[in-house]
Amino acid sequence: MLTLEDRVCANADILSTTVDDETMVLDIARGVYLNLNVMASDILRRLERETSLGALCGELAGEFDASPAQLKQEVLGFAAQLRDAGLIRVIG
């Protein structure tokens, strides 16, 4: 289970492209394809550099209309999906 203290970073070998406001992510080696909405695209872009999930929530708080509890739930859930798909790694 991921926590706000976990530091994560996107894997360098994923391919992505943005069309309109959606990002398509492909990891050929793992056979993973995702179509991401605006918020998910922004999160993945921010994870190109190592950061804690708590810091990520703080960055997003001023940019998206969501309560802190909802934002935390969304970020932790999405990060878990990315980790399970092998698209991000937990640093520590």
PDB file of N, CA and C in Angstrom:
ATOM      1  N   MET A   1       0.841  -1.183   0.000  1.00  0.00           N
ATOM      2  CA  MET A   1       0.000   0.000   0.000  1.00  0.00           C
ATOM      3  C   MET A   1       0.887   1.249   0.000  1.00  0.00           C
ATOM      4  N   LEU A   2       0.615   2.150  -0.891  1.00  0.00           N
ATOM      5  CA  LEU A   2       1.391   3.385  -0.977  1.00  0.00           C
ATOM      6  C   LEU A   2       0.919   4.382   0.077  1.00  0.00           C
ATOM      7  N   THR A   3       1.850   5.219   0.522  1.00  0.00           N
ATOM      8  CA  THR A   3       1.535   6.284   1.470  1.00  0.00           C
ATOM      9  C   THR A   3       2.032   7.612   0.910  1.00  0.00           C
ATOM     10  N   LEU A   4       1.636   8.688   1.552  1.00  0.00           N
ATOM     11  CA  LEU A   4       2.080  10.014   1.114  1.00  0.00           C
ATOM     12  C   LEU A   4       3.573  10.212   1.290  1.00  0.00           C
ATOM     13  N   GLU A   5       4.202   9.417   2.134  1.00  0.00           N
ATOM     14  CA  GLU A   5       5.642   9.527   2.359  1.00  0.00           C
ATOM     15  C   GLU A   5       6.463   8.817   1.284  1.00  0.00           C
ATOM     16  N   ASP A   6       5.853   7.918   0.527  1.00  0.00           N
ATOM     17  CA  ASP A   6       6.586   7.181  -0.505  1.00  0.00           C
ATOM     18  C   ASP A   6       7.101   8.122  -1.585  1.00  0.00           C
ATOM     19  N   ARG A   7       8.349   7.900  -1.969  1.00  0.00           N
ATOM     20  CA  ARG A   7       8.955   8.647  -3.075  1.00  0.00           C
ATOM     21  C   ARG A   7       8.873   7.768  -4.313  1.00  0.00           C
ATOM     22  N   VAL A   8       8.418   8.345  -5.407  1.00  0.00           N
ATOM     23  CA  VAL A   8       8.223   7.579  -6.633  1.00  0.00           C
ATOM     24  C   VAL A   8       8.784   8.345  -7.817  1.00  0.00           C
ATOM     25  N   CYS A   9       8.961   7.618  -8.916  1.00  0.00           N
ATOM     26  CA  CYS A   9       9.459   8.222 -10.148  1.00  0.00           C
ATOM     27  C   CYS A   9       8.976   7.369 -11.320  1.00  0.00           C
ATOM     28  N   ALA A  10       8.617   8.011 -12.414  1.00  0.00           N
ATOM     29  CA  ALA A  10       8.193   7.293 -13.611  1.00  0.00           C
ATOM     30  C   ALA A  10       9.374   6.547 -14.217  1.00  0.00           C
ATOM     31  N   ASN A  11       9.114   5.392 -14.772  1.00  0.00           N
ATOM     32  CA  ASN A  11      10.149   4.645 -15.484  1.00  0.00           C
ATOM     33  C   ASN A  11      10.478   5.371 -16.778  1.00  0.00           C
ATOM     34  N   ALA A  12      11.729   5.368 -17.129  1.00  0.00           N
ATOM     35  CA  ALA A  12      12.190   6.120 -18.296  1.00  0.00           C
ATOM     36  C   ALA A  12      11.815   5.468 -19.619  1.00  0.00           C
ATOM     37  N   ASP A  13      11.449   4.192 -19.601  1.00  0.00           N
ATOM     38  CA  ASP A  13      11.237   3.477 -20.856  1.00  0.00           C
ATOM     39  C   ASP A  13       9.791   3.479 -21.350  1.00  0.00           C
ATOM     40  N   ILE A  14       8.921   4.305 -20.769  1.00  0.00           N
ATOM     41  CA  ILE A  14       7.549   4.347 -21.258  1.00  0.00           C
ATOM     42  C   ILE A  14       7.436   5.390 -22.375  1.00  0.00           C
ATOM     43  N   LEU A  15       6.572   5.128 -23.304  1.00  0.00           N
ATOM     44  CA  LEU A  15       6.306   6.047 -24.406  1.00  0.00           C
ATOM     45  C   LEU A  15       4.969   6.713 -24.155  1.00  0.00           C
ATOM     46  N   SER A  16       4.880   8.004 -24.450  1.00  0.00           N
ATOM     47  CA  SER A  16       3.601   8.692 -24.296  1.00  0.00           C
ATOM     48  C   SER A  16       3.484   9.790 -25.331  1.00  0.00           C
ATOM     49  N   THR A  17       2.240  10.123 -25.630  1.00  0.00           N
ATOM     50  CA  THR A  17       1.945  11.236 -26.518  1.00  0.00           C
ATOM     51  C   THR A  17       0.646  11.868 -26.059  1.00  0.00           C
ATOM     52  N   THR A  18       0.514  13.151 -26.291  1.00  0.00           N
ATOM     53  CA  THR A  18      -0.691  13.872 -25.883  1.00  0.00           C
ATOM     54  C   THR A  18      -1.445  14.316 -27.120  1.00  0.00           C
ATOM     55  N   VAL A  19      -2.749  14.034 -27.105  1.00  0.00           N
ATOM     56  CA  VAL A  19      -3.656  14.463 -28.168  1.00  0.00           C
ATOM     57  C   VAL A  19      -4.794  15.201 -27.487  1.00  0.00           C
ATOM     58  N   ASP A  20      -5.002  16.439 -27.879  1.00  0.00           N
ATOM     59  CA  ASP A  20      -5.938  17.320 -27.191  1.00  0.00           C
ATOM     60  C   ASP A  20      -5.522  17.380 -25.726  1.00  0.00           C
ATOM     61  N   ASP A  21      -6.376  16.984 -24.803  1.00  0.00           N
ATOM     62  CA  ASP A  21      -6.026  17.037 -23.381  1.00  0.00           C
ATOM     63  C   ASP A  21      -5.757  15.664 -22.790  1.00  0.00           C
ATOM     64  N   GLU A  22      -5.694  14.636 -23.616  1.00  0.00           N
ATOM     65  CA  GLU A  22      -5.495  13.283 -23.119  1.00  0.00           C
ATOM     66  C   GLU A  22      -4.121  12.764 -23.519  1.00  0.00           C
ATOM     67  N   THR A  23      -3.552  11.960 -22.628  1.00  0.00           N
ATOM     68  CA  THR A  23      -2.252  11.362 -22.881  1.00  0.00           C
ATOM     69  C   THR A  23      -2.419   9.863 -23.046  1.00  0.00           C
ATOM     70  N   MET A  24      -1.789   9.329 -24.067  1.00  0.00           N
ATOM     71  CA  MET A  24      -1.764   7.889 -24.276  1.00  0.00           C
ATOM     72  C   MET A  24      -0.381   7.387 -23.891  1.00  0.00           C
ATOM     73  N   VAL A  25      -0.347   6.363 -23.051  1.00  0.00           N
ATOM     74  CA  VAL A  25       0.902   5.814 -22.531  1.00  0.00           C
ATOM     75  C   VAL A  25       1.025   4.379 -23.007  1.00  0.00           C
ATOM     76  N   LEU A  26       2.223   4.022 -23.462  1.00  0.00           N
ATOM     77  CA  LEU A  26       2.470   2.675 -23.950  1.00  0.00           C
ATOM     78  C   LEU A  26       3.805   2.185 -23.402  1.00  0.00           C
ATOM     79  N   ASP A  27       3.762   1.005 -22.827  1.00  0.00           N
ATOM     80  CA  ASP A  27       4.974   0.310 -22.410  1.00  0.00           C
ATOM     81  C   ASP A  27       4.979  -1.007 -23.166  1.00  0.00           C
ATOM     82  N   ILE A  28       5.711  -1.056 -24.257  1.00  0.00           N
ATOM     83  CA  ILE A  28       5.706  -2.211 -25.146  1.00  0.00           C
ATOM     84  C   ILE A  28       6.195  -3.461 -24.428  1.00  0.00           C
ATOM     85  N   ALA A  29       7.236  -3.339 -23.625  1.00  0.00           N
ATOM     86  CA  ALA A  29       7.814  -4.505 -22.945  1.00  0.00           C
ATOM     87  C   ALA A  29       6.812  -5.186 -22.021  1.00  0.00           C
ATOM     88  N   ARG A  30       5.953  -4.410 -21.393  1.00  0.00           N
ATOM     89  CA  ARG A  30       4.978  -4.967 -20.455  1.00  0.00           C
ATOM     90  C   ARG A  30       3.591  -5.136 -21.076  1.00  0.00           C
ATOM     91  N   GLY A  31       3.403  -4.636 -22.279  1.00  0.00           N
ATOM     92  CA  GLY A  31       2.104  -4.732 -22.925  1.00  0.00           C
ATOM     93  C   GLY A  31       1.053  -3.864 -22.256  1.00  0.00           C
ATOM     94  N   VAL A  32       1.468  -2.693 -21.778  1.00  0.00           N
ATOM     95  CA  VAL A  32       0.562  -1.792 -21.057  1.00  0.00           C
ATOM     96  C   VAL A  32       0.191  -0.623 -21.953  1.00  0.00           C
ATOM     97  N   TYR A  33      -1.117  -0.330 -22.015  1.00  0.00           N
ATOM     98  CA  TYR A  33      -1.614   0.842 -22.726  1.00  0.00           C
ATOM     99  C   TYR A  33      -2.607   1.544 -21.809  1.00  0.00           C
ATOM    100  N   LEU A  34      -2.429   2.849 -21.617  1.00  0.00           N
ATOM    101  CA  LEU A  34      -3.354   3.644 -20.816  1.00  0.00           C
ATOM    102  C   LEU A  34      -3.733   4.894 -21.582  1.00  0.00           C
ATOM    103  N   ASN A  35      -4.983   5.308 -21.432  1.00  0.00           N
ATOM    104  CA  ASN A  35      -5.467   6.567 -21.975  1.00  0.00           C
ATOM    105  C   ASN A  35      -5.805   7.439 -20.770  1.00  0.00           C
ATOM    106  N   LEU A  36      -5.064   8.520 -20.554  1.00  0.00           N
ATOM    107  CA  LEU A  36      -5.157   9.307 -19.337  1.00  0.00           C
ATOM    108  C   LEU A  36      -5.898  10.616 -19.547  1.00  0.00           C
ATOM    109  N   ASN A  37      -6.746  10.980 -18.569  1.00  0.00           N
ATOM    110  CA  ASN A  37      -7.426  12.269 -18.614  1.00  0.00           C
ATOM    111  C   ASN A  37      -6.461  13.379 -18.214  1.00  0.00           C
ATOM    112  N   VAL A  38      -6.956  14.596 -18.108  1.00  0.00           N
ATOM    113  CA  VAL A  38      -6.108  15.757 -17.845  1.00  0.00           C
ATOM    114  C   VAL A  38      -5.360  15.622 -16.526  1.00  0.00           C
ATOM    115  N   MET A  39      -6.062  15.284 -15.452  1.00  0.00           N
ATOM    116  CA  MET A  39      -5.409  15.188 -14.146  1.00  0.00           C
ATOM    117  C   MET A  39      -4.389  14.052 -14.122  1.00  0.00           C
ATOM    118  N   ALA A  40      -4.747  12.906 -14.643  1.00  0.00           N
ATOM    119  CA  ALA A  40      -3.820  11.768 -14.666  1.00  0.00           C
ATOM    120  C   ALA A  40      -2.607  12.088 -15.529  1.00  0.00           C
ATOM    121  N   SER A  41      -2.798  12.776 -16.642  1.00  0.00           N
ATOM    122  CA  SER A  41      -1.684  13.178 -17.499  1.00  0.00           C
ATOM    123  C   SER A  41      -0.733  14.098 -16.746  1.00  0.00           C
ATOM    124  N   ASP A  42      -1.304  15.040 -16.001  1.00  0.00           N
ATOM    125  CA  ASP A  42      -0.497  15.976 -15.238  1.00  0.00           C
ATOM    126  C   ASP A  42       0.293  15.243 -14.157  1.00  0.00           C
ATOM    127  N   ILE A  43      -0.336  14.296 -13.481  1.00  0.00           N
ATOM    128  CA  ILE A  43       0.358  13.526 -12.448  1.00  0.00           C
ATOM    129  C   ILE A  43       1.525  12.758 -13.055  1.00  0.00           C
ATOM    130  N   LEU A  44       1.293  12.047 -14.148  1.00  0.00           N
ATOM    131  CA  LEU A  44       2.369  11.267 -14.762  1.00  0.00           C
ATOM    132  C   LEU A  44       3.510  12.170 -15.221  1.00  0.00           C
ATOM    133  N   ARG A  45       3.185  13.328 -15.775  1.00  0.00           N
ATOM    134  CA  ARG A  45       4.222  14.279 -16.200  1.00  0.00           C
ATOM    135  C   ARG A  45       5.065  14.716 -15.005  1.00  0.00           C
ATOM    136  N   ARG A  46       4.427  14.991 -13.888  1.00  0.00           N
ATOM    137  CA  ARG A  46       5.145  15.420 -12.691  1.00  0.00           C
ATOM    138  C   ARG A  46       6.009  14.301 -12.112  1.00  0.00           C
ATOM    139  N   LEU A  47       5.623  13.066 -12.370  1.00  0.00           N
ATOM    140  CA  LEU A  47       6.382  11.933 -11.851  1.00  0.00           C
ATOM    141  C   LEU A  47       7.608  11.610 -12.701  1.00  0.00           C
ATOM    142  N   GLU A  48       7.866  12.404 -13.728  1.00  0.00           N
ATOM    143  CA  GLU A  48       9.093  12.226 -14.495  1.00  0.00           C
ATOM    144  C   GLU A  48      10.308  12.543 -13.628  1.00  0.00           C
ATOM    145  N   ARG A  49      10.082  13.278 -12.560  1.00  0.00           N
ATOM    146  CA  ARG A  49      11.152  13.539 -11.582  1.00  0.00           C
ATOM    147  C   ARG A  49      10.737  12.886 -10.264  1.00  0.00           C
ATOM    148  N   GLU A  50      11.697  12.445  -9.517  1.00  0.00           N
ATOM    149  CA  GLU A  50      11.413  11.800  -8.230  1.00  0.00           C
ATOM    150  C   GLU A  50      10.745  12.782  -7.276  1.00  0.00           C
ATOM    151  N   THR A  51       9.676  12.353  -6.632  1.00  0.00           N
ATOM    152  CA  THR A  51       8.966  13.181  -5.659  1.00  0.00           C
ATOM    153  C   THR A  51       8.202  12.288  -4.706  1.00  0.00           C
ATOM    154  N   SER A  52       7.827  12.834  -3.569  1.00  0.00           N
ATOM    155  CA  SER A  52       6.965  12.082  -2.659  1.00  0.00           C
ATOM    156  C   SER A  52       5.514  12.293  -3.092  1.00  0.00           C
ATOM    157  N   LEU A  53       4.685  11.327  -2.779  1.00  0.00           N
ATOM    158  CA  LEU A  53       3.276  11.459  -3.143  1.00  0.00           C
ATOM    159  C   LEU A  53       2.612  12.581  -2.353  1.00  0.00           C
ATOM    160  N   GLY A  54       3.095  12.852  -1.144  1.00  0.00           N
ATOM    161  CA  GLY A  54       2.583  13.978  -0.364  1.00  0.00           C
ATOM    162  C   GLY A  54       2.906  15.307  -1.022  1.00  0.00           C
ATOM    163  N   ALA A  55       4.139  15.457  -1.502  1.00  0.00           N
ATOM    164  CA  ALA A  55       4.528  16.682  -2.204  1.00  0.00           C
ATOM    165  C   ALA A  55       3.717  16.844  -3.478  1.00  0.00           C
ATOM    166  N   LEU A  56       3.468  15.742  -4.158  1.00  0.00           N
ATOM    167  CA  LEU A  56       2.653  15.782  -5.370  1.00  0.00           C
ATOM    168  C   LEU A  56       1.246  16.281  -5.054  1.00  0.00           C
ATOM    169  N   CYS A  57       0.651  15.781  -3.979  1.00  0.00           N
ATOM    170  CA  CYS A  57      -0.677  16.253  -3.566  1.00  0.00           C
ATOM    171  C   CYS A  57      -0.649  17.754  -3.296  1.00  0.00           C
ATOM    172  N   GLY A  58       0.415  18.225  -2.643  1.00  0.00           N
ATOM    173  CA  GLY A  58       0.550  19.650  -2.364  1.00  0.00           C
ATOM    174  C   GLY A  58       0.617  20.483  -3.632  1.00  0.00           C
ATOM    175  N   GLU A  59       1.347  19.991  -4.630  1.00  0.00           N
ATOM    176  CA  GLU A  59       1.451  20.703  -5.914  1.00  0.00           C
ATOM    177  C   GLU A  59       0.102  20.772  -6.609  1.00  0.00           C
ATOM    178  N   LEU A  60      -0.633  19.678  -6.563  1.00  0.00           N
ATOM    179  CA  LEU A  60      -1.906  19.597  -7.274  1.00  0.00           C
ATOM    180  C   LEU A  60      -3.038  20.346  -6.581  1.00  0.00           C
ATOM    181  N   ALA A  61      -2.908  20.556  -5.275  1.00  0.00           N
ATOM    182  CA  ALA A  61      -3.987  21.151  -4.493  1.00  0.00           C
ATOM    183  C   ALA A  61      -4.420  22.515  -5.023  1.00  0.00           C
ATOM    184  N   GLY A  62      -3.477  23.312  -5.469  1.00  0.00           N
ATOM    185  CA  GLY A  62      -3.815  24.641  -5.966  1.00  0.00           C
ATOM    186  C   GLY A  62      -4.292  24.668  -7.400  1.00  0.00           C
ATOM    187  N   GLU A  63      -4.226  23.543  -8.079  1.00  0.00           N
ATOM    188  CA  GLU A  63      -4.529  23.533  -9.500  1.00  0.00           C
ATOM    189  C   GLU A  63      -5.813  22.792  -9.879  1.00  0.00           C
ATOM    190  N   PHE A  64      -6.279  21.922  -8.983  1.00  0.00           N
ATOM    191  CA  PHE A  64      -7.477  21.150  -9.278  1.00  0.00           C
ATOM    192  C   PHE A  64      -8.514  21.386  -8.193  1.00  0.00           C
ATOM    193  N   ASP A  65      -9.763  21.421  -8.598  1.00  0.00           N
ATOM    194  CA  ASP A  65     -10.869  21.667  -7.675  1.00  0.00           C
ATOM    195  C   ASP A  65     -11.269  20.358  -7.009  1.00  0.00           C
ATOM    196  N   ALA A  66     -10.569  20.032  -5.931  1.00  0.00           N
ATOM    197  CA  ALA A  66     -10.850  18.808  -5.187  1.00  0.00           C
ATOM    198  C   ALA A  66     -10.477  19.037  -3.727  1.00  0.00           C
ATOM    199  N   SER A  67     -11.190  18.394  -2.825  1.00  0.00           N
ATOM    200  CA  SER A  67     -10.853  18.503  -1.404  1.00  0.00           C
ATOM    201  C   SER A  67      -9.532  17.783  -1.157  1.00  0.00           C
ATOM    202  N   PRO A  68      -8.817  18.136  -0.099  1.00  0.00           N
ATOM    203  CA  PRO A  68      -7.560  17.443   0.213  1.00  0.00           C
ATOM    204  C   PRO A  68      -7.749  15.931   0.349  1.00  0.00           C
ATOM    205  N   ALA A  69      -8.833  15.504   0.975  1.00  0.00           N
ATOM    206  CA  ALA A  69      -9.078  14.065   1.150  1.00  0.00           C
ATOM    207  C   ALA A  69      -9.315  13.383  -0.196  1.00  0.00           C
ATOM    208  N   GLN A  70     -10.083  14.039  -1.067  1.00  0.00           N
ATOM    209  CA  GLN A  70     -10.353  13.471  -2.390  1.00  0.00           C
ATOM    210  C   GLN A  70      -9.076  13.424  -3.220  1.00  0.00           C
ATOM    211  N   LEU A  71      -8.290  14.478  -3.154  1.00  0.00           N
ATOM    212  CA  LEU A  71      -7.036  14.538  -3.902  1.00  0.00           C
ATOM    213  C   LEU A  71      -6.086  13.434  -3.436  1.00  0.00           C
ATOM    214  N   LYS A  72      -5.966  13.265  -2.127  1.00  0.00           N
ATOM    215  CA  LYS A  72      -5.113  12.210  -1.578  1.00  0.00           C
ATOM    216  C   LYS A  72      -5.565  10.841  -2.077  1.00  0.00           C
ATOM    217  N   GLN A  73      -6.862  10.588  -2.027  1.00  0.00           N
ATOM    218  CA  GLN A  73      -7.399   9.303  -2.476  1.00  0.00           C
ATOM    219  C   GLN A  73      -7.117   9.082  -3.960  1.00  0.00           C
ATOM    220  N   GLU A  74      -7.324  10.105  -4.776  1.00  0.00           N
ATOM    221  CA  GLU A  74      -7.090   9.999  -6.215  1.00  0.00           C
ATOM    222  C   GLU A  74      -5.614   9.748  -6.526  1.00  0.00           C
ATOM    223  N   VAL A  75      -4.734  10.509  -5.889  1.00  0.00           N
ATOM    224  CA  VAL A  75      -3.297  10.382  -6.157  1.00  0.00           C
ATOM    225  C   VAL A  75      -2.785   9.016  -5.717  1.00  0.00           C
ATOM    226  N   LEU A  76      -3.142   8.584  -4.507  1.00  0.00           N
ATOM    227  CA  LEU A  76      -2.675   7.279  -4.027  1.00  0.00           C
ATOM    228  C   LEU A  76      -3.225   6.142  -4.883  1.00  0.00           C
ATOM    229  N   GLY A  77      -4.491   6.232  -5.274  1.00  0.00           N
ATOM    230  CA  GLY A  77      -5.084   5.189  -6.115  1.00  0.00           C
ATOM    231  C   GLY A  77      -4.446   5.126  -7.489  1.00  0.00           C
ATOM    232  N   PHE A  78      -4.249   6.285  -8.099  1.00  0.00           N
ATOM    233  CA  PHE A  78      -3.647   6.318  -9.432  1.00  0.00           C
ATOM    234  C   PHE A  78      -2.188   5.876  -9.380  1.00  0.00           C
ATOM    235  N   ALA A  79      -1.457   6.310  -8.349  1.00  0.00           N
ATOM    236  CA  ALA A  79      -0.062   5.884  -8.211  1.00  0.00           C
ATOM    237  C   ALA A  79       0.028   4.371  -8.043  1.00  0.00           C
ATOM    238  N   ALA A  80      -0.897   3.781  -7.319  1.00  0.00           N
ATOM    239  CA  ALA A  80      -0.913   2.321  -7.151  1.00  0.00           C
ATOM    240  C   ALA A  80      -1.161   1.634  -8.490  1.00  0.00           C
ATOM    241  N   GLN A  81      -2.058   2.186  -9.300  1.00  0.00           N
ATOM    242  CA  GLN A  81      -2.313   1.622 -10.636  1.00  0.00           C
ATOM    243  C   GLN A  81      -1.057   1.710 -11.501  1.00  0.00           C
ATOM    244  N   LEU A  82      -0.387   2.852 -11.464  1.00  0.00           N
ATOM    245  CA  LEU A  82       0.838   3.020 -12.246  1.00  0.00           C
ATOM    246  C   LEU A  82       1.922   2.064 -11.773  1.00  0.00           C
ATOM    247  N   ARG A  83       2.061   1.916 -10.457  1.00  0.00           N
ATOM    248  CA  ARG A  83       3.058   0.988  -9.907  1.00  0.00           C
ATOM    249  C   ARG A  83       2.740  -0.448 -10.322  1.00  0.00           C
ATOM    250  N   ASP A  84       1.485  -0.843 -10.194  1.00  0.00           N
ATOM    251  CA  ASP A  84       1.086  -2.208 -10.543  1.00  0.00           C
ATOM    252  C   ASP A  84       1.284  -2.498 -12.032  1.00  0.00           C
ATOM    253  N   ALA A  85       1.161  -1.460 -12.865  1.00  0.00           N
ATOM    254  CA  ALA A  85       1.369  -1.616 -14.302  1.00  0.00           C
ATOM    255  C   ALA A  85       2.848  -1.533 -14.670  1.00  0.00           C
ATOM    256  N   GLY A  86       3.708  -1.245 -13.680  1.00  0.00           N
ATOM    257  CA  GLY A  86       5.138  -1.157 -13.933  1.00  0.00           C
ATOM    258  C   GLY A  86       5.573   0.146 -14.560  1.00  0.00           C
ATOM    259  N   LEU A  87       4.733   1.201 -14.462  1.00  0.00           N
ATOM    260  CA  LEU A  87       5.055   2.466 -15.099  1.00  0.00           C
ATOM    261  C   LEU A  87       5.791   3.438 -14.181  1.00  0.00           C
ATOM    262  N   ILE A  88       5.679   3.214 -12.864  1.00  0.00           N
ATOM    263  CA  ILE A  88       6.466   3.996 -11.917  1.00  0.00           C
ATOM    264  C   ILE A  88       7.140   3.019 -10.954  1.00  0.00           C
ATOM    265  N   ARG A  89       8.164   3.527 -10.282  1.00  0.00           N
ATOM    266  CA  ARG A  89       8.827   2.711  -9.279  1.00  0.00           C
ATOM    267  C   ARG A  89       8.878   3.483  -7.971  1.00  0.00           C
ATOM    268  N   VAL A  90       8.797   2.751  -6.881  1.00  0.00           N
ATOM    269  CA  VAL A  90       8.888   3.342  -5.555  1.00  0.00           C
ATOM    270  C   VAL A  90      10.365   3.409  -5.188  1.00  0.00           C
ATOM    271  N   ILE A  91      10.824   4.606  -4.863  1.00  0.00           N
ATOM    272  CA  ILE A  91      12.229   4.829  -4.541  1.00  0.00           C
ATOM    273  C   ILE A  91      12.475   4.526  -3.063  1.00  0.00           C
ATOM    274  N   GLY A  92      11.572   4.914  -2.233  1.00  0.00           N
ATOM    275  CA  GLY A  92      11.734   4.671  -0.800  1.00  0.00           C
ATOM    276  C   GLY A  92      10.807   5.491   0.022  1.00  0.00           C
TER     277      GLY A  92
END
